[in-house]
Amino acid sequence: AAHRLGEHGSSEMRHVAKIPAVIVEKYCNDYGITYRDFMQDSAHIRRLVNDPKNSSFRVWKGQV
């Protein structure tokens, strides 16, 4: 819905996705990392956001 309304930010700061906390928690459990590890390493965030299984949570459809 946010994508259809054009709420994906600007070229300087994109609103890429709105991932539920339970999905982030599952990711952390699957990869054996803490939430802190997840937030400090952008590779984890990119992997989670770019995963096709999570496309329904995407606002901006481009590659992160």
Protein backbone atom coordinates (compact mmCIF):
# COMPACT_ATOMS: atom_id res chain seq x y z
CA ALA A 1 0.00 0.00 0.00
CA ALA A 2 2.86 2.40 0.86
CA HIS A 3 4.42 1.73 -2.55
CA ARG A 4 1.16 2.48 -4.35
CA LEU A 5 0.88 5.74 -2.41
CA GLY A 6 4.41 6.72 -3.44
CA GLU A 7 5.75 6.66 0.12
CA HIS A 8 9.18 5.36 -0.81
CA GLY A 9 11.21 8.44 0.03
CA SER A 10 13.63 10.38 -2.12
CA SER A 11 16.86 9.53 -3.92
CA GLU A 12 18.77 10.64 -0.83
CA MET A 13 16.87 8.44 1.64
CA ARG A 14 14.68 5.59 0.45
CA HIS A 15 12.02 3.88 2.52
CA VAL A 16 12.90 0.40 1.34
CA ALA A 17 10.84 -1.92 3.51
CA LYS A 18 8.85 -2.34 6.68
CA ILE A 19 9.96 -5.70 8.05
CA PRO A 20 8.05 -7.06 11.06
CA ALA A 21 10.16 -7.71 14.16
CA VAL A 22 9.23 -11.40 14.11
CA ILE A 23 10.86 -11.76 10.66
CA VAL A 24 14.04 -10.07 11.90
CA GLU A 25 14.04 -12.32 14.98
CA LYS A 26 13.66 -15.43 12.80
CA TYR A 27 16.53 -14.24 10.59
CA CYS A 28 18.75 -13.73 13.65
CA ASN A 29 17.88 -17.19 14.97
CA ASP A 30 18.47 -18.82 11.57
CA TYR A 31 21.91 -17.21 11.22
CA GLY A 32 22.89 -17.50 14.89
CA ILE A 33 23.41 -13.77 15.39
CA THR A 34 22.13 -11.23 17.90
CA TYR A 35 19.87 -8.32 17.06
CA ARG A 36 22.82 -6.05 17.73
CA ASP A 37 24.91 -7.98 15.16
CA PHE A 38 22.05 -7.63 12.69
CA MET A 39 21.78 -3.87 13.15
CA GLN A 40 25.54 -3.25 13.02
CA ASP A 41 26.23 -5.18 9.81
CA SER A 42 24.40 -3.77 6.81
CA ALA A 43 25.10 -6.99 4.88
CA HIS A 44 22.53 -8.76 7.08
CA ILE A 45 19.94 -6.07 6.46
CA ARG A 46 20.55 -6.16 2.70
CA ARG A 47 20.30 -9.96 2.66
CA LEU A 48 17.00 -9.89 4.54
CA VAL A 49 15.46 -7.06 2.51
CA ASN A 50 16.58 -8.43 -0.88
CA ASP A 51 15.30 -11.96 -0.13
CA PRO A 52 12.42 -12.66 -2.54
CA LYS A 53 10.49 -14.31 0.31
CA ASN A 54 10.23 -10.88 1.94
CA SER A 55 9.08 -8.97 -1.15
CA SER A 56 5.64 -8.39 0.36
CA PHE A 57 7.29 -6.14 2.97
CA ARG A 58 9.05 -4.00 0.36
CA VAL A 59 8.00 -0.40 -0.23
CA TRP A 60 10.67 0.48 -2.80
CA LYS A 61 11.19 -2.37 -5.26
CA GLY A 62 14.79 -1.61 -6.31
CA GLN A 63 17.87 -3.61 -5.29
CA VAL A 64 19.39 -2.62 -1.94
